[in-house]
Amino acid sequence: MPVEQFSFGRRWRKIIAKNADLSRALKPAEATEEQFRLLRRYLNSRHAEGGMADMTMSDYAAMIEETAVHTHIVEYRYTDGAKRGELAAAALVDVLGDGLSLVYSFFDPSEPKRSPGIYSILDHIQQARAAGFPYVYLGYWIPGSEKMDYKAHFRPLELLLGGEWRPYKPVEF
């Protein structure tokens, strides 16, 4: 997604405001028990039947630490209230020559009204702009997949088709 063309409309600004009490910290690509506990809660709540449902701590560590590219973890923590200091969300991010690639993110499943997954994307769009990167890559998308539909809302969206990036034009009926 070309970040300079992305518009932070009302919907996106509301999500950013709902998460104004979160702090962001970049961490090395090293798996922690705290991250894994949050990942387990997330998977059990949102993807209990998915391919990652049986992920162990060693599987998680391999996903985080065994990489051939520059990778880091972004941790989001609550800065206020009863959960102050607790891990609210995390994102595994590859830093590429032309952008940030969001490999995987997970969050506190007890806070769905915050839209923490969407917030993480919005935050990375802001971070890419600040760093001078032209793109944020949202990863694989399967049209019609309920769990991936959120990606289609980040416009302008480009698809890699036949080795070439092309603007996504939704089919309207």
N, C-alpha and C. Protein backbone atom coordinates (compact mmCIF):
# COMPACT_ATOMS: atom_id res chain seq x y z
N MET A 1 0.84 -1.16 0.00
CA MET A 1 0.00 0.00 0.00
C MET A 1 0.90 1.24 0.00
N PRO A 2 0.71 2.13 -0.96
CA PRO A 2 1.50 3.36 -0.99
C PRO A 2 1.04 4.31 0.13
N VAL A 3 1.93 4.56 1.09
CA VAL A 3 1.51 5.27 2.30
C VAL A 3 1.18 6.74 2.07
N GLU A 4 1.83 7.38 1.13
CA GLU A 4 1.55 8.81 0.91
C GLU A 4 0.16 9.04 0.34
N GLN A 5 -0.40 8.04 -0.30
CA GLN A 5 -1.74 8.18 -0.88
C GLN A 5 -2.84 7.79 0.10
N PHE A 6 -2.46 7.21 1.24
CA PHE A 6 -3.45 6.79 2.23
C PHE A 6 -3.99 8.01 2.96
N SER A 7 -5.30 8.04 3.12
CA SER A 7 -5.96 9.16 3.80
C SER A 7 -6.49 8.71 5.17
N PHE A 8 -6.10 9.42 6.21
CA PHE A 8 -6.58 9.14 7.56
C PHE A 8 -7.95 9.79 7.74
N GLY A 9 -8.96 9.12 7.22
CA GLY A 9 -10.33 9.63 7.32
C GLY A 9 -10.87 9.51 8.74
N ARG A 10 -12.09 9.91 8.90
CA ARG A 10 -12.74 9.95 10.22
C ARG A 10 -12.69 8.61 10.94
N ARG A 11 -13.02 7.55 10.22
CA ARG A 11 -13.00 6.20 10.81
C ARG A 11 -11.63 5.87 11.40
N TRP A 12 -10.57 6.15 10.63
CA TRP A 12 -9.22 5.84 11.08
C TRP A 12 -8.81 6.73 12.25
N ARG A 13 -9.17 8.00 12.20
CA ARG A 13 -8.82 8.92 13.31
C ARG A 13 -9.50 8.50 14.60
N LYS A 14 -10.71 7.96 14.53
CA LYS A 14 -11.41 7.49 15.73
C LYS A 14 -10.67 6.31 16.36
N ILE A 15 -10.18 5.40 15.54
CA ILE A 15 -9.44 4.25 16.05
C ILE A 15 -8.13 4.71 16.69
N ILE A 16 -7.46 5.66 16.07
CA ILE A 16 -6.23 6.19 16.66
C ILE A 16 -6.52 6.83 18.01
N ALA A 17 -7.62 7.57 18.10
CA ALA A 17 -7.98 8.22 19.37
C ALA A 17 -8.31 7.20 20.46
N LYS A 18 -8.96 6.11 20.10
CA LYS A 18 -9.31 5.07 21.08
C LYS A 18 -8.06 4.42 21.68
N ASN A 19 -6.97 4.51 20.98
CA ASN A 19 -5.73 3.86 21.41
C ASN A 19 -4.65 4.86 21.82
N ALA A 20 -5.05 6.08 22.08
CA ALA A 20 -4.10 7.13 22.44
C ALA A 20 -3.35 6.81 23.74
N ASP A 21 -3.89 5.91 24.54
CA ASP A 21 -3.24 5.56 25.81
C ASP A 21 -2.26 4.39 25.66
N LEU A 22 -1.92 4.01 24.44
CA LEU A 22 -0.94 2.96 24.22
C LEU A 22 0.42 3.58 23.89
N SER A 23 1.47 2.99 24.42
CA SER A 23 2.81 3.41 24.05
C SER A 23 3.39 2.37 23.10
N ARG A 24 4.31 2.80 22.27
CA ARG A 24 4.94 1.93 21.28
C ARG A 24 6.41 1.81 21.61
N ALA A 25 6.95 0.60 21.51
CA ALA A 25 8.38 0.38 21.69
C ALA A 25 8.86 -0.67 20.70
N LEU A 26 9.96 -0.37 20.01
CA LEU A 26 10.58 -1.32 19.10
C LEU A 26 11.50 -2.22 19.91
N LYS A 27 11.36 -3.51 19.69
CA LYS A 27 12.14 -4.51 20.42
C LYS A 27 12.88 -5.39 19.42
N PRO A 28 14.02 -5.94 19.84
CA PRO A 28 14.70 -6.88 18.93
C PRO A 28 13.84 -8.11 18.68
N ALA A 29 14.16 -8.81 17.61
CA ALA A 29 13.40 -10.01 17.23
C ALA A 29 13.78 -11.16 18.16
N GLU A 30 13.35 -11.06 19.41
CA GLU A 30 13.58 -12.08 20.42
C GLU A 30 12.25 -12.37 21.10
N ALA A 31 11.84 -13.60 21.05
CA ALA A 31 10.56 -14.01 21.64
C ALA A 31 10.63 -13.92 23.16
N THR A 32 9.55 -13.43 23.77
CA THR A 32 9.47 -13.39 25.23
C THR A 32 8.26 -14.19 25.69
N GLU A 33 8.31 -14.62 26.92
CA GLU A 33 7.17 -15.34 27.51
C GLU A 33 5.93 -14.45 27.53
N GLU A 34 6.10 -13.19 27.83
CA GLU A 34 4.97 -12.26 27.89
C GLU A 34 4.28 -12.16 26.53
N GLN A 35 5.07 -12.02 25.47
CA GLN A 35 4.50 -11.97 24.12
C GLN A 35 3.77 -13.27 23.81
N PHE A 36 4.39 -14.39 24.16
CA PHE A 36 3.78 -15.68 23.86
C PHE A 36 2.46 -15.86 24.62
N ARG A 37 2.39 -15.43 25.87
CA ARG A 37 1.13 -15.53 26.63
C ARG A 37 0.03 -14.72 25.95
N LEU A 38 0.38 -13.52 25.47
CA LEU A 38 -0.62 -12.71 24.76
C LEU A 38 -1.01 -13.38 23.44
N LEU A 39 -0.04 -13.91 22.73
CA LEU A 39 -0.33 -14.63 21.48
C LEU A 39 -1.27 -15.79 21.74
N ARG A 40 -1.03 -16.57 22.79
CA ARG A 40 -1.90 -17.72 23.10
C ARG A 40 -3.32 -17.24 23.38
N ARG A 41 -3.48 -16.19 24.16
CA ARG A 41 -4.83 -15.66 24.44
C ARG A 41 -5.50 -15.23 23.14
N TYR A 42 -4.75 -14.55 22.29
CA TYR A 42 -5.27 -14.10 20.99
C TYR A 42 -5.68 -15.29 20.13
N LEU A 43 -4.80 -16.26 19.98
CA LEU A 43 -5.11 -17.43 19.15
C LEU A 43 -6.31 -18.20 19.70
N ASN A 44 -6.36 -18.41 20.99
CA ASN A 44 -7.47 -19.15 21.60
C ASN A 44 -8.80 -18.43 21.39
N SER A 45 -8.77 -17.12 21.39
CA SER A 45 -9.98 -16.32 21.23
C SER A 45 -10.40 -16.13 19.77
N ARG A 46 -9.43 -15.89 18.90
CA ARG A 46 -9.74 -15.48 17.53
C ARG A 46 -9.48 -16.53 16.46
N HIS A 47 -8.57 -17.46 16.74
CA HIS A 47 -8.16 -18.43 15.71
C HIS A 47 -7.99 -19.83 16.29
N ALA A 48 -8.91 -20.23 17.14
CA ALA A 48 -8.79 -21.52 17.84
C ALA A 48 -8.76 -22.70 16.88
N GLU A 49 -9.32 -22.55 15.70
CA GLU A 49 -9.34 -23.64 14.72
C GLU A 49 -8.30 -23.45 13.63
N GLY A 50 -7.48 -22.41 13.71
CA GLY A 50 -6.54 -22.10 12.65
C GLY A 50 -5.27 -22.92 12.70
N GLY A 51 -4.44 -22.71 11.71
CA GLY A 51 -3.20 -23.45 11.57
C GLY A 51 -2.17 -23.16 12.65
N MET A 52 -2.34 -22.05 13.37
CA MET A 52 -1.40 -21.69 14.42
C MET A 52 -1.91 -22.07 15.81
N ALA A 53 -3.07 -22.70 15.89
CA ALA A 53 -3.71 -22.98 17.17
C ALA A 53 -2.84 -23.80 18.12
N ASP A 54 -1.99 -24.65 17.58
CA ASP A 54 -1.14 -25.50 18.42
C ASP A 54 0.27 -24.96 18.60
N MET A 55 0.48 -23.70 18.28
CA MET A 55 1.81 -23.12 18.35
C MET A 55 2.37 -23.19 19.77
N THR A 56 3.61 -23.63 19.87
CA THR A 56 4.31 -23.70 21.16
C THR A 56 5.25 -22.50 21.28
N MET A 57 5.84 -22.34 22.46
CA MET A 57 6.81 -21.27 22.65
C MET A 57 7.98 -21.43 21.70
N SER A 58 8.43 -22.65 21.48
CA SER A 58 9.56 -22.84 20.56
C SER A 58 9.15 -22.52 19.11
N ASP A 59 7.92 -22.83 18.73
CA ASP A 59 7.42 -22.44 17.39
C ASP A 59 7.40 -20.92 17.26
N TYR A 60 6.91 -20.27 18.32
CA TYR A 60 6.84 -18.81 18.32
C TYR A 60 8.25 -18.22 18.20
N ALA A 61 9.18 -18.74 18.97
CA ALA A 61 10.56 -18.25 18.92
C ALA A 61 11.14 -18.42 17.52
N ALA A 62 10.86 -19.53 16.88
CA ALA A 62 11.36 -19.76 15.52
C ALA A 62 10.75 -18.73 14.56
N MET A 63 9.46 -18.46 14.69
CA MET A 63 8.80 -17.48 13.83
C MET A 63 9.43 -16.10 14.00
N ILE A 64 9.76 -15.74 15.21
CA ILE A 64 10.28 -14.41 15.51
C ILE A 64 11.77 -14.30 15.18
N GLU A 65 12.53 -15.31 15.57
CA GLU A 65 13.99 -15.17 15.58
C GLU A 65 14.69 -15.71 14.35
N GLU A 66 14.08 -16.63 13.64
CA GLU A 66 14.75 -17.23 12.48
C GLU A 66 14.33 -16.50 11.21
N THR A 67 15.05 -15.44 10.91
CA THR A 67 14.70 -14.60 9.78
C THR A 67 15.96 -14.19 9.03
N ALA A 68 15.83 -14.04 7.73
CA ALA A 68 16.96 -13.65 6.90
C ALA A 68 16.96 -12.15 6.59
N VAL A 69 15.95 -11.44 7.10
CA VAL A 69 15.85 -10.00 6.85
C VAL A 69 15.87 -9.25 8.18
N HIS A 70 15.97 -7.93 8.10
CA HIS A 70 15.95 -7.11 9.32
C HIS A 70 14.53 -7.11 9.88
N THR A 71 14.37 -7.68 11.05
CA THR A 71 13.06 -7.85 11.67
C THR A 71 13.09 -7.28 13.08
N HIS A 72 11.98 -6.73 13.50
CA HIS A 72 11.83 -6.31 14.89
C HIS A 72 10.39 -6.56 15.33
N ILE A 73 10.18 -6.42 16.62
CA ILE A 73 8.83 -6.53 17.19
C ILE A 73 8.45 -5.15 17.71
N VAL A 74 7.24 -4.75 17.41
CA VAL A 74 6.70 -3.52 17.99
C VAL A 74 5.74 -3.94 19.09
N GLU A 75 6.02 -3.50 20.30
CA GLU A 75 5.14 -3.77 21.43
C GLU A 75 4.33 -2.53 21.75
N TYR A 76 3.05 -2.74 22.00
CA TYR A 76 2.16 -1.66 22.43
C TYR A 76 1.72 -1.99 23.86
N ARG A 77 1.89 -1.02 24.75
CA ARG A 77 1.54 -1.22 26.16
C ARG A 77 0.54 -0.17 26.62
N TYR A 78 -0.32 -0.61 27.54
CA TYR A 78 -1.27 0.31 28.16
C TYR A 78 -0.48 1.28 29.04
N THR A 79 -0.80 2.55 28.98
CA THR A 79 -0.11 3.55 29.80
C THR A 79 -0.99 4.09 30.91
N ASP A 80 -2.23 3.62 30.98
CA ASP A 80 -3.20 4.16 31.92
C ASP A 80 -4.11 3.06 32.45
N GLY A 81 -4.79 3.33 33.53
CA GLY A 81 -5.83 2.44 34.03
C GLY A 81 -5.31 1.18 34.68
N ALA A 82 -6.22 0.23 34.87
CA ALA A 82 -5.93 -1.02 35.59
C ALA A 82 -4.89 -1.87 34.87
N LYS A 83 -4.78 -1.74 33.56
CA LYS A 83 -3.83 -2.56 32.79
C LYS A 83 -2.50 -1.85 32.53
N ARG A 84 -2.29 -0.73 33.19
CA ARG A 84 -1.07 0.07 32.97
C ARG A 84 0.17 -0.82 32.99
N GLY A 85 0.99 -0.69 31.94
CA GLY A 85 2.23 -1.45 31.82
C GLY A 85 2.09 -2.80 31.15
N GLU A 86 0.86 -3.30 31.04
CA GLU A 86 0.65 -4.61 30.41
C GLU A 86 0.77 -4.51 28.89
N LEU A 87 1.16 -5.62 28.29
CA LEU A 87 1.26 -5.72 26.84
C LEU A 87 -0.14 -5.78 26.24
N ALA A 88 -0.45 -4.83 25.37
CA ALA A 88 -1.76 -4.75 24.73
C ALA A 88 -1.76 -5.39 23.35
N ALA A 89 -0.64 -5.28 22.65
CA ALA A 89 -0.54 -5.80 21.29
C ALA A 89 0.93 -5.90 20.91
N ALA A 90 1.19 -6.67 19.87
CA ALA A 90 2.55 -6.79 19.33
C ALA A 90 2.46 -7.06 17.83
N ALA A 91 3.47 -6.62 17.13
CA ALA A 91 3.53 -6.84 15.68
C ALA A 91 4.95 -7.24 15.30
N LEU A 92 5.03 -8.29 14.53
CA LEU A 92 6.31 -8.72 13.96
C LEU A 92 6.44 -8.02 12.61
N VAL A 93 7.52 -7.26 12.45
CA VAL A 93 7.66 -6.39 11.29
C VAL A 93 9.02 -6.63 10.62
N ASP A 94 8.99 -6.83 9.31
CA ASP A 94 10.22 -6.89 8.52
C ASP A 94 10.46 -5.50 7.94
N VAL A 95 11.69 -5.04 8.05
CA VAL A 95 12.06 -3.75 7.47
C VAL A 95 12.72 -4.03 6.12
N LEU A 96 12.08 -3.59 5.07
CA LEU A 96 12.56 -3.81 3.71
C LEU A 96 13.18 -2.52 3.17
N GLY A 97 13.77 -2.59 2.02
CA GLY A 97 14.39 -1.41 1.43
C GLY A 97 13.40 -0.30 1.11
N ASP A 98 12.16 -0.68 0.82
CA ASP A 98 11.17 0.32 0.42
C ASP A 98 9.95 0.38 1.34
N GLY A 99 10.01 -0.30 2.48
CA GLY A 99 8.83 -0.22 3.34
C GLY A 99 8.87 -1.17 4.52
N LEU A 100 7.76 -1.17 5.23
CA LEU A 100 7.56 -2.04 6.38
C LEU A 100 6.59 -3.14 5.99
N SER A 101 6.95 -4.37 6.30
CA SER A 101 6.10 -5.51 6.00
C SER A 101 5.57 -6.06 7.31
N LEU A 102 4.24 -6.01 7.47
CA LEU A 102 3.61 -6.49 8.68
C LEU A 102 3.44 -8.00 8.56
N VAL A 103 4.30 -8.73 9.21
CA VAL A 103 4.33 -10.19 9.09
C VAL A 103 3.20 -10.81 9.88
N TYR A 104 3.07 -10.42 11.15
CA TYR A 104 2.01 -10.97 11.99
C TYR A 104 1.80 -10.05 13.18
N SER A 105 0.54 -9.86 13.53
CA SER A 105 0.25 -9.07 14.73
C SER A 105 -0.79 -9.80 15.57
N PHE A 106 -0.78 -9.51 16.85
CA PHE A 106 -1.73 -10.10 17.77
C PHE A 106 -1.97 -9.12 18.90
N PHE A 107 -3.08 -9.30 19.59
CA PHE A 107 -3.47 -8.29 20.57
C PHE A 107 -4.36 -8.87 21.65
N ASP A 108 -4.61 -8.05 22.66
CA ASP A 108 -5.46 -8.41 23.79
C ASP A 108 -6.88 -8.63 23.27
N PRO A 109 -7.37 -9.88 23.29
CA PRO A 109 -8.70 -10.14 22.73
C PRO A 109 -9.84 -9.58 23.58
N SER A 110 -9.55 -9.11 24.77
CA SER A 110 -10.60 -8.54 25.62
C SER A 110 -10.89 -7.07 25.28
N GLU A 111 -10.21 -6.53 24.28
CA GLU A 111 -10.36 -5.12 23.91
C GLU A 111 -10.79 -4.93 22.45
N PRO A 112 -11.80 -5.66 21.96
CA PRO A 112 -12.13 -5.57 20.53
C PRO A 112 -12.62 -4.19 20.09
N LYS A 113 -13.23 -3.43 20.99
CA LYS A 113 -13.75 -2.11 20.59
C LYS A 113 -12.65 -1.12 20.26
N ARG A 114 -11.45 -1.40 20.69
CA ARG A 114 -10.30 -0.55 20.36
C ARG A 114 -9.84 -0.77 18.92
N SER A 115 -10.20 -1.90 18.32
CA SER A 115 -9.69 -2.31 17.01
C SER A 115 -8.16 -2.31 17.00
N PRO A 116 -7.55 -3.06 17.92
CA PRO A 116 -6.10 -2.99 18.05
C PRO A 116 -5.32 -3.47 16.84
N GLY A 117 -5.84 -4.42 16.09
CA GLY A 117 -5.16 -4.86 14.87
C GLY A 117 -5.13 -3.76 13.83
N ILE A 118 -6.25 -3.10 13.65
CA ILE A 118 -6.33 -1.97 12.72
C ILE A 118 -5.42 -0.84 13.19
N TYR A 119 -5.44 -0.58 14.51
CA TYR A 119 -4.59 0.47 15.06
C TYR A 119 -3.12 0.20 14.73
N SER A 120 -2.69 -1.05 14.84
CA SER A 120 -1.30 -1.38 14.54
C SER A 120 -0.96 -1.04 13.09
N ILE A 121 -1.86 -1.32 12.18
CA ILE A 121 -1.64 -0.98 10.77
C ILE A 121 -1.54 0.53 10.60
N LEU A 122 -2.47 1.26 11.20
CA LEU A 122 -2.46 2.72 11.09
C LEU A 122 -1.16 3.29 11.66
N ASP A 123 -0.73 2.76 12.79
CA ASP A 123 0.51 3.21 13.40
C ASP A 123 1.70 2.94 12.48
N HIS A 124 1.70 1.80 11.82
CA HIS A 124 2.80 1.49 10.91
C HIS A 124 2.77 2.36 9.65
N ILE A 125 1.60 2.76 9.22
CA ILE A 125 1.52 3.72 8.11
C ILE A 125 2.19 5.03 8.53
N GLN A 126 1.88 5.48 9.74
CA GLN A 126 2.51 6.70 10.25
C GLN A 126 4.02 6.54 10.38
N GLN A 127 4.45 5.39 10.89
CA GLN A 127 5.88 5.14 11.06
C GLN A 127 6.60 5.07 9.71
N ALA A 128 5.98 4.45 8.72
CA ALA A 128 6.58 4.38 7.39
C ALA A 128 6.74 5.78 6.81
N ARG A 129 5.72 6.59 6.95
CA ARG A 129 5.82 7.98 6.47
C ARG A 129 6.96 8.72 7.16
N ALA A 130 7.02 8.59 8.48
CA ALA A 130 8.06 9.29 9.26
C ALA A 130 9.46 8.84 8.85
N ALA A 131 9.62 7.57 8.51
CA ALA A 131 10.93 7.03 8.13
C ALA A 131 11.23 7.24 6.64
N GLY A 132 10.27 7.76 5.89
CA GLY A 132 10.48 7.99 4.46
C GLY A 132 10.28 6.76 3.60
N PHE A 133 9.62 5.74 4.14
CA PHE A 133 9.33 4.55 3.35
C PHE A 133 8.07 4.79 2.51
N PRO A 134 8.08 4.39 1.26
CA PRO A 134 6.89 4.60 0.43
C PRO A 134 5.79 3.56 0.62
N TYR A 135 6.10 2.40 1.23
CA TYR A 135 5.10 1.35 1.30
C TYR A 135 4.98 0.71 2.68
N VAL A 136 3.76 0.22 2.95
CA VAL A 136 3.50 -0.72 4.03
C VAL A 136 2.88 -1.93 3.36
N TYR A 137 3.45 -3.08 3.62
CA TYR A 137 2.97 -4.33 3.04
C TYR A 137 2.11 -5.04 4.08
N LEU A 138 0.88 -5.35 3.72
CA LEU A 138 -0.06 -5.98 4.64
C LEU A 138 -0.05 -7.50 4.56
N GLY A 139 0.75 -8.05 3.70
CA GLY A 139 0.86 -9.51 3.60
C GLY A 139 -0.19 -10.11 2.70
N TYR A 140 -0.25 -11.42 2.75
CA TYR A 140 -1.18 -12.15 1.89
C TYR A 140 -2.63 -11.75 2.18
N TRP A 141 -3.41 -11.76 1.12
CA TRP A 141 -4.83 -11.46 1.23
C TRP A 141 -5.58 -12.42 0.32
N ILE A 142 -6.59 -13.03 0.87
CA ILE A 142 -7.44 -13.92 0.09
C ILE A 142 -8.82 -13.28 0.04
N PRO A 143 -9.21 -12.72 -1.11
CA PRO A 143 -10.53 -12.10 -1.21
C PRO A 143 -11.62 -13.08 -0.79
N GLY A 144 -12.56 -12.61 0.02
CA GLY A 144 -13.65 -13.44 0.49
C GLY A 144 -13.36 -14.11 1.82
N SER A 145 -12.10 -14.08 2.27
CA SER A 145 -11.75 -14.65 3.57
C SER A 145 -12.15 -13.65 4.66
N GLU A 146 -13.09 -14.04 5.50
CA GLU A 146 -13.56 -13.14 6.57
C GLU A 146 -12.43 -12.62 7.42
N LYS A 147 -11.48 -13.47 7.72
CA LYS A 147 -10.39 -13.08 8.62
C LYS A 147 -9.38 -12.15 7.94
N MET A 148 -9.46 -12.02 6.63
CA MET A 148 -8.53 -11.15 5.92
C MET A 148 -9.21 -9.95 5.28
N ASP A 149 -10.52 -9.88 5.38
CA ASP A 149 -11.26 -8.80 4.71
C ASP A 149 -10.83 -7.40 5.13
N TYR A 150 -10.35 -7.25 6.34
CA TYR A 150 -9.95 -5.93 6.83
C TYR A 150 -8.89 -5.29 5.93
N LYS A 151 -8.07 -6.09 5.27
CA LYS A 151 -6.99 -5.56 4.44
C LYS A 151 -7.53 -4.77 3.25
N ALA A 152 -8.70 -5.13 2.76
CA ALA A 152 -9.27 -4.45 1.60
C ALA A 152 -9.71 -3.03 1.91
N HIS A 153 -9.79 -2.67 3.19
CA HIS A 153 -10.22 -1.33 3.57
C HIS A 153 -9.09 -0.30 3.54
N PHE A 154 -7.87 -0.75 3.36
CA PHE A 154 -6.73 0.15 3.33
C PHE A 154 -6.41 0.52 1.90
N ARG A 155 -6.97 1.64 1.46
CA ARG A 155 -6.85 2.08 0.08
C ARG A 155 -5.92 3.28 -0.02
N PRO A 156 -5.20 3.44 -1.08
CA PRO A 156 -5.23 2.58 -2.25
C PRO A 156 -4.46 1.29 -1.97
N LEU A 157 -5.00 0.22 -2.46
CA LEU A 157 -4.43 -1.10 -2.26
C LEU A 157 -3.85 -1.56 -3.58
N GLU A 158 -2.69 -2.18 -3.50
CA GLU A 158 -2.08 -2.74 -4.69
C GLU A 158 -1.93 -4.24 -4.51
N LEU A 159 -2.04 -4.98 -5.59
CA LEU A 159 -1.88 -6.43 -5.59
C LEU A 159 -0.70 -6.80 -6.47
N LEU A 160 0.05 -7.80 -6.04
CA LEU A 160 1.14 -8.32 -6.86
C LEU A 160 0.56 -9.42 -7.74
N LEU A 161 0.44 -9.13 -9.02
CA LEU A 161 -0.14 -10.07 -9.98
C LEU A 161 0.84 -10.28 -11.13
N GLY A 162 1.20 -11.52 -11.34
CA GLY A 162 2.13 -11.82 -12.42
C GLY A 162 3.46 -11.12 -12.27
N GLY A 163 3.90 -10.92 -11.02
CA GLY A 163 5.18 -10.27 -10.75
C GLY A 163 5.16 -8.76 -10.86
N GLU A 164 3.96 -8.18 -11.03
CA GLU A 164 3.85 -6.73 -11.20
C GLU A 164 2.82 -6.17 -10.22
N TRP A 165 3.14 -5.04 -9.58
CA TRP A 165 2.20 -4.39 -8.66
C TRP A 165 1.15 -3.63 -9.46
N ARG A 166 -0.11 -3.90 -9.14
CA ARG A 166 -1.22 -3.26 -9.87
C ARG A 166 -2.24 -2.72 -8.88
N PRO A 167 -2.86 -1.60 -9.21
CA PRO A 167 -3.90 -1.07 -8.31
C PRO A 167 -5.07 -2.06 -8.19
N TYR A 168 -5.58 -2.19 -6.99
CA TYR A 168 -6.73 -3.06 -6.75
C TYR A 168 -7.99 -2.28 -7.06
N LYS A 169 -8.82 -2.89 -7.89
CA LYS A 169 -10.11 -2.30 -8.23
C LYS A 169 -11.18 -3.31 -7.86
N PRO A 170 -11.90 -3.05 -6.75
CA PRO A 170 -12.92 -4.03 -6.32
C PRO A 170 -14.02 -4.17 -7.35
N VAL A 171 -14.51 -5.38 -7.46
CA VAL A 171 -15.63 -5.67 -8.36
C VAL A 171 -16.91 -5.29 -7.63
N GLU A 172 -17.70 -4.44 -8.26
CA GLU A 172 -18.96 -4.04 -7.65
C GLU A 172 -20.12 -4.64 -8.43
N PHE A 173 -21.09 -5.13 -7.69
CA PHE A 173 -22.26 -5.76 -8.33
C PHE A 173 -23.43 -4.83 -8.31
